Amino acid sequence: MRLRSLAVCLILTVIFPSVVSAEWVVERQAEKKRMRELGLQHDSAWSLYLALKDKADGGDKPGFDDLPDWGGLWSRSRGGLNFDPDQQWPRAPGHMPTAKFTPEYHQRLLHTMELRKDNLEYDPLSQCIAPGHPRWLGMPFLREQILRPDRTTLIAEAFNSVRRIYTDGRDHIPGEDRFPVHNGDSIGFWDGDKLVIHTNQLMAHIYERSQGEYTEEVETVEIWERVDENTILVDVWIYDPPALAEPWYTKQSYTRMKNPNLSLRLHHWACKGNQNNDVIETEGGGSTFRDLTFTSEDDLDGDDSP
């Protein structure tokens, strides 16, 4: 029953966009324009983060009783297979992501979209390469958050992916000691009930299939806020000079899952649960499985090479 309920929820989330009013669309467009302009006022994610921190007088130092309630299990509620929930629907060849890519990365995007017209599509997730941040923001399935005054832990069931946001006043890892990791290094501060985050030290990846790429220079600023009992909204600015001609602003949203009988839980994500899960990239830009095997004898006698 848990799997059936969760599957239905995820299908509705991914396949059908939210039904919204014309007034909401106008308000959303105006807000997005303001937020985009805020990002353009700063030449880096760090500059934007420091400006937000200065506006918050350095941020609050909440105790346990002062922290907002982000308990329960959550799932992404808008966007489907688009990284930006406001992107034109349905996602199809010709419907470009809302980011403004540099010429090189724009051409890369066009190339992947042309391949997709011929049903050629490759995703690093197929080889159990973790999504990493900022793609982490758009991943489906369940999530939960653990709030402490000194640290917020953001957990996504997909790929057992965990982000740790340090709010104890520490700085980022010194530049000479940094190296790219999937979810980067994140520090933040509280501004009332809003959690403001800066993340650097990230690995290159893709935003989504046919949604463009980001480089190891990518950095993000996020503002997390629970706006009602069942909704968390996140303002996101992405800075990536090699790939983005200007900061990419999106607004992500997550909905608390109904769980009256407490049957929903985060489970371990076993990406390589059996020998037939291996997916390899083809020379043409698509993907294929290795030869399927079904018994230990097959594994011993068969050729496992692609």
Protein backbone atom coordinates (compact mmCIF):
# COMPACT_ATOMS: atom_id res chain seq x y z
CA MET A 1 0.00 0.00 0.00
CA ARG A 2 2.86 2.38 0.78
CA LEU A 3 4.41 1.84 -2.64
CA ARG A 4 1.07 2.27 -4.40
CA SER A 5 0.28 5.53 -2.58
CA LEU A 6 3.76 6.88 -3.13
CA ALA A 7 3.75 5.90 -6.79
CA VAL A 8 0.44 7.66 -7.41
CA CYS A 9 1.70 10.77 -5.64
CA LEU A 10 4.91 10.85 -7.65
CA ILE A 11 3.11 10.27 -10.95
CA LEU A 12 0.78 13.18 -10.25
CA THR A 13 3.72 15.35 -9.23
CA VAL A 14 5.79 14.58 -12.31
CA ILE A 15 3.16 14.24 -15.01
CA PHE A 16 0.64 16.96 -14.17
CA PRO A 17 1.63 20.59 -13.53
CA SER A 18 -0.02 22.52 -10.75
CA VAL A 19 -3.32 24.18 -11.62
CA VAL A 20 -2.91 27.87 -10.82
CA SER A 21 -4.97 31.01 -11.31
CA ALA A 22 -4.18 33.84 -13.70
CA GLU A 23 -3.64 36.15 -10.71
CA TRP A 24 -1.06 33.73 -9.29
CA VAL A 25 0.78 33.68 -12.60
CA VAL A 26 0.97 37.49 -12.70
CA GLU A 27 2.18 37.67 -9.11
CA ARG A 28 4.71 34.90 -9.73
CA GLN A 29 6.09 36.65 -12.81
CA ALA A 30 6.49 39.92 -10.90
CA GLU A 31 8.20 38.16 -8.00
CA LYS A 32 10.49 36.28 -10.34
CA LYS A 33 11.47 39.53 -12.05
CA ARG A 34 12.38 41.07 -8.67
CA MET A 35 14.40 38.05 -7.61
CA ARG A 36 16.20 37.82 -10.94
CA GLU A 37 17.14 41.48 -10.70
CA LEU A 38 18.42 40.90 -7.16
CA GLY A 39 20.71 38.20 -8.49
CA LEU A 40 21.95 40.49 -11.27
CA GLN A 41 22.99 43.09 -8.70
CA HIS A 42 25.75 40.74 -7.52
CA ASP A 43 28.64 39.29 -9.49
CA SER A 44 28.87 36.16 -7.39
CA ALA A 45 26.82 33.94 -5.13
CA TRP A 46 29.07 34.88 -2.23
CA SER A 47 28.37 38.58 -2.76
CA LEU A 48 24.62 37.93 -2.75
CA TYR A 49 24.90 35.77 0.38
CA LEU A 50 26.86 38.45 2.25
CA ALA A 51 24.30 41.10 1.23
CA LEU A 52 21.46 38.95 2.58
CA LYS A 53 23.40 38.35 5.77
CA ASP A 54 24.07 42.05 6.21
CA LYS A 55 20.38 42.80 5.66
CA ALA A 56 19.58 40.30 8.42
CA ASP A 57 22.09 42.02 10.77
CA GLY A 58 24.29 38.96 10.73
CA GLY A 59 21.47 36.50 11.21
CA ASP A 60 19.70 35.14 14.28
CA LYS A 61 21.03 32.62 16.79
CA PRO A 62 17.94 30.54 17.54
CA GLY A 63 17.59 27.98 20.29
CA PHE A 64 15.80 24.68 19.78
CA ASP A 65 12.45 26.24 20.73
CA ASP A 66 12.92 29.04 18.20
CA LEU A 67 13.37 26.83 15.15
CA PRO A 68 10.46 26.40 12.71
CA ASP A 69 8.73 23.04 12.33
CA TRP A 70 9.86 21.32 9.13
CA GLY A 71 9.01 17.86 10.41
CA GLY A 72 7.42 15.10 8.39
CA LEU A 73 8.13 13.75 4.93
CA TRP A 74 8.14 16.02 1.89
CA SER A 75 8.28 15.75 -1.90
CA ARG A 76 8.86 18.23 -4.69
CA SER A 77 5.50 19.63 -5.73
CA ARG A 78 6.12 21.62 -8.94
CA GLY A 79 8.38 21.28 -11.93
CA GLY A 80 8.02 17.70 -13.03
CA LEU A 81 11.06 16.93 -15.17
CA ASN A 82 12.05 20.61 -15.47
CA PHE A 83 14.65 22.03 -13.12
CA ASP A 84 12.81 25.37 -13.17
CA PRO A 85 9.16 24.82 -12.16
CA ASP A 86 8.16 27.84 -14.24
CA GLN A 87 9.54 26.39 -17.47
CA GLN A 88 7.05 25.83 -20.28
CA TRP A 89 5.19 22.52 -20.06
CA PRO A 90 5.40 19.86 -21.37
CA ARG A 91 9.12 19.35 -21.46
CA ALA A 92 9.79 18.54 -25.08
CA PRO A 93 12.39 19.30 -27.76
CA GLY A 94 12.19 23.01 -28.49
CA HIS A 95 11.10 23.99 -24.99
CA MET A 96 14.31 25.52 -23.73
CA PRO A 97 15.24 25.82 -20.04
CA THR A 98 14.79 29.31 -18.65
CA ALA A 99 18.51 29.76 -17.96
CA LYS A 100 20.71 32.00 -20.09
CA PHE A 101 23.69 29.83 -20.97
CA THR A 102 27.01 30.98 -22.36
CA PRO A 103 27.51 30.25 -26.09
CA GLU A 104 29.52 27.07 -25.44
CA TYR A 105 27.03 25.59 -23.01
CA HIS A 106 24.08 26.75 -25.10
CA GLN A 107 25.47 24.72 -27.99
CA ARG A 108 25.94 21.73 -25.69
CA LEU A 109 22.31 22.02 -24.68
CA LEU A 110 21.15 22.22 -28.30
CA HIS A 111 23.16 19.09 -29.07
CA THR A 112 21.51 17.09 -26.29
CA MET A 113 18.09 18.30 -27.39
CA GLU A 114 18.77 17.24 -30.97
CA LEU A 115 19.80 13.78 -29.75
CA ARG A 116 16.60 13.59 -27.75
CA LYS A 117 14.55 14.00 -30.92
CA ASP A 118 15.99 10.62 -31.96
CA ASN A 119 15.28 9.14 -28.52
CA LEU A 120 18.97 9.30 -27.61
CA GLU A 121 19.35 10.40 -24.04
CA TYR A 122 21.99 9.75 -21.42
CA ASP A 123 21.86 10.51 -17.72
CA PRO A 124 24.78 9.98 -15.29
CA LEU A 125 22.23 8.77 -12.74
CA SER A 126 21.94 5.61 -14.84
CA GLN A 127 25.45 4.69 -13.70
CA CYS A 128 24.60 5.41 -10.07
CA ILE A 129 26.43 8.74 -10.12
CA ALA A 130 24.71 10.81 -7.43
CA PRO A 131 22.72 13.84 -8.63
CA GLY A 132 24.64 16.31 -6.52
CA HIS A 133 23.63 19.89 -5.84
CA PRO A 134 22.00 21.93 -7.39
CA ARG A 135 20.30 19.08 -9.26
CA TRP A 136 19.50 17.74 -5.79
CA LEU A 137 16.77 20.39 -5.53
CA GLY A 138 14.72 18.87 -8.35
CA MET A 139 15.00 15.19 -7.47
CA PRO A 140 11.71 13.31 -6.87
CA PHE A 141 10.79 10.90 -4.05
CA LEU A 142 10.75 11.58 -0.33
CA ARG A 143 12.72 14.08 1.73
CA GLU A 144 13.04 15.10 5.35
CA GLN A 145 14.79 17.85 7.30
CA ILE A 146 16.44 17.77 10.73
CA LEU A 147 16.83 21.20 12.34
CA ARG A 148 19.30 22.09 15.09
CA PRO A 149 20.54 25.53 16.09
CA ASP A 150 24.04 24.72 14.83
CA ARG A 151 23.17 22.66 11.75
CA THR A 152 20.31 21.77 9.43
CA THR A 153 20.43 18.37 7.72
CA LEU A 154 18.56 18.05 4.43
CA ILE A 155 17.97 14.43 3.42
CA ALA A 156 16.73 13.13 0.07
CA GLU A 157 15.77 9.49 -0.27
CA ALA A 158 17.04 9.38 -3.85
CA PHE A 159 20.66 8.17 -3.76
CA ASN A 160 20.66 8.54 0.06
CA SER A 161 21.75 12.13 -0.57
CA VAL A 162 22.44 14.29 2.49
CA ARG A 163 23.27 18.00 2.72
CA ARG A 164 24.60 19.51 5.94
CA ILE A 165 24.06 23.24 6.38
CA TYR A 166 26.28 24.61 9.15
CA THR A 167 24.75 27.56 11.02
CA ASP A 168 27.22 27.68 13.92
CA GLY A 169 29.18 30.62 12.53
CA ARG A 170 31.91 28.67 10.77
CA ASP A 171 33.25 29.78 7.39
CA HIS A 172 33.69 27.65 4.28
CA ILE A 173 36.62 25.26 3.99
CA PRO A 174 39.75 27.28 3.05
CA GLY A 175 40.31 27.54 -0.67
CA GLU A 176 43.56 25.58 -0.65
CA ASP A 177 41.80 22.62 1.02
CA ARG A 178 38.74 22.47 -1.24
CA PHE A 179 37.97 19.74 -3.75
CA PRO A 180 34.71 19.06 -5.64
CA VAL A 181 32.14 16.87 -3.90
CA HIS A 182 28.59 15.95 -4.89
CA ASN A 183 26.71 18.21 -2.47
CA GLY A 184 29.45 20.75 -1.83
CA ASP A 185 30.15 22.67 1.36
CA SER A 186 27.20 24.64 2.78
CA ILE A 187 27.04 27.31 5.45
CA GLY A 188 24.05 29.41 6.42
CA PHE A 189 22.23 31.61 8.90
CA TRP A 190 18.69 32.09 10.15
CA ASP A 191 16.72 35.22 9.34
CA GLY A 192 13.63 34.70 11.47
CA ASP A 193 12.06 31.50 10.12
CA LYS A 194 14.06 31.69 6.89
CA LEU A 195 17.21 29.63 6.38
CA VAL A 196 19.72 31.31 4.03
CA ILE A 197 22.38 29.02 2.52
CA HIS A 198 25.53 29.44 0.46
CA THR A 199 27.05 26.37 -1.21
CA ASN A 200 30.34 25.96 -3.07
CA GLN A 201 32.90 23.18 -3.72
CA LEU A 202 30.56 21.30 -6.09
CA MET A 203 31.04 18.74 -8.86
CA ALA A 204 29.99 19.26 -12.47
CA HIS A 205 26.73 17.57 -13.49
CA ILE A 206 23.48 18.25 -15.37
CA TYR A 207 20.36 20.04 -14.11
CA GLU A 208 18.12 17.39 -15.64
CA ARG A 209 17.95 15.54 -18.92
CA SER A 210 17.95 18.11 -21.74
CA GLN A 211 18.15 20.89 -19.16
CA GLY A 212 21.77 21.93 -19.51
CA GLU A 213 24.99 21.38 -17.60
CA TYR A 214 26.80 23.05 -14.73
CA THR A 215 30.54 23.15 -14.02
CA GLU A 216 32.75 22.78 -10.95
CA GLU A 217 32.61 26.57 -10.57
CA VAL A 218 28.89 26.51 -9.77
CA GLU A 219 27.77 28.13 -6.49
CA THR A 220 24.29 28.69 -5.10
CA VAL A 221 22.35 30.82 -2.66
CA GLU A 222 19.07 29.50 -1.25
CA ILE A 223 16.38 30.91 1.03
CA TRP A 224 14.25 28.18 2.61
CA GLU A 225 10.93 29.06 4.26
CA ARG A 226 7.88 27.07 5.31
CA VAL A 227 5.03 29.32 4.19
CA ASP A 228 2.13 27.23 5.47
CA GLU A 229 1.54 23.92 7.23
CA ASN A 230 2.27 21.82 4.16
CA THR A 231 4.49 23.96 1.93
CA ILE A 232 8.18 24.86 1.92
CA LEU A 233 9.33 27.33 -0.74
CA VAL A 234 12.96 27.85 -1.73
CA ASP A 235 14.36 30.83 -3.63
CA VAL A 236 17.45 29.67 -5.53
CA TRP A 237 20.14 31.66 -7.34
CA ILE A 238 22.76 29.74 -9.32
CA TYR A 239 26.04 31.35 -10.37
CA ASP A 240 28.30 29.49 -12.81
CA PRO A 241 30.41 31.85 -14.98
CA PRO A 242 31.67 29.21 -17.48
CA ALA A 243 28.14 27.92 -18.18
CA LEU A 244 25.70 30.71 -17.28
CA ALA A 245 25.68 34.14 -18.90
CA GLU A 246 23.81 35.45 -15.85
CA PRO A 247 22.59 34.02 -12.53
CA TRP A 248 19.73 31.56 -12.89
CA TYR A 249 16.89 32.18 -10.44
CA THR A 250 14.27 29.51 -9.74
CA LYS A 251 11.69 28.95 -7.01
CA GLN A 252 11.46 25.36 -5.81
CA SER A 253 8.57 24.03 -3.74
CA TYR A 254 8.05 20.98 -1.52
CA THR A 255 4.81 19.60 -0.10
CA ARG A 256 4.40 17.70 3.15
CA MET A 257 3.13 14.19 2.43
CA LYS A 258 -0.02 12.97 4.12
CA ASN A 259 1.02 10.13 6.38
CA PRO A 260 -1.79 9.50 8.90
CA ASN A 261 -0.86 5.89 9.61
CA LEU A 262 2.90 6.60 9.54
CA SER A 263 3.41 4.04 6.78
CA LEU A 264 5.70 6.31 4.75
CA ARG A 265 9.40 6.19 5.59
CA LEU A 266 12.67 7.09 3.95
CA HIS A 267 14.34 3.87 2.83
CA HIS A 268 17.84 3.04 1.74
CA TRP A 269 18.29 3.77 -1.96
CA ALA A 270 19.99 0.70 -3.48
CA CYS A 271 21.00 1.99 -6.90
CA LYS A 272 22.88 -1.17 -7.88
CA GLY A 273 20.48 -3.67 -6.40
CA ASN A 274 21.45 -6.37 -8.89
CA GLN A 275 23.86 -7.06 -11.72
CA ASN A 276 21.35 -5.99 -14.38
CA ASN A 277 21.18 -2.38 -13.24
CA ASP A 278 24.35 -1.35 -15.04
CA VAL A 279 23.71 1.18 -17.79
CA ILE A 280 26.42 2.37 -20.17
CA GLU A 281 26.62 5.34 -22.51
CA THR A 282 26.67 4.56 -26.22
CA GLU A 283 28.88 6.27 -28.80
CA GLY A 284 25.76 7.86 -30.30
CA GLY A 285 24.89 9.65 -27.06
CA GLY A 286 22.20 7.30 -25.82
CA SER A 287 22.33 4.54 -23.23
CA THR A 288 21.97 0.78 -23.12
CA PHE A 289 22.10 -2.10 -20.65
CA ARG A 290 24.87 -4.66 -20.45
CA ASP A 291 23.94 -8.22 -21.37
CA LEU A 292 21.33 -9.36 -18.87
CA THR A 293 22.18 -12.19 -16.49
CA PHE A 294 19.85 -13.98 -14.13
CA THR A 295 21.85 -16.58 -12.18
CA SER A 296 25.23 -16.87 -10.55
CA GLU A 297 26.18 -19.33 -13.31
CA ASP A 298 25.39 -16.72 -15.94
CA ASP A 299 27.61 -14.28 -14.10
CA LEU A 300 30.48 -16.76 -14.06
CA ASP A 301 30.12 -17.97 -17.64
CA GLY A 302 28.90 -14.86 -19.39
CA ASP A 303 30.89 -11.95 -20.75
CA ASP A 304 30.25 -8.90 -18.61
CA SER A 305 31.91 -6.50 -21.02
CA PRO A 306 29.73 -3.91 -22.83
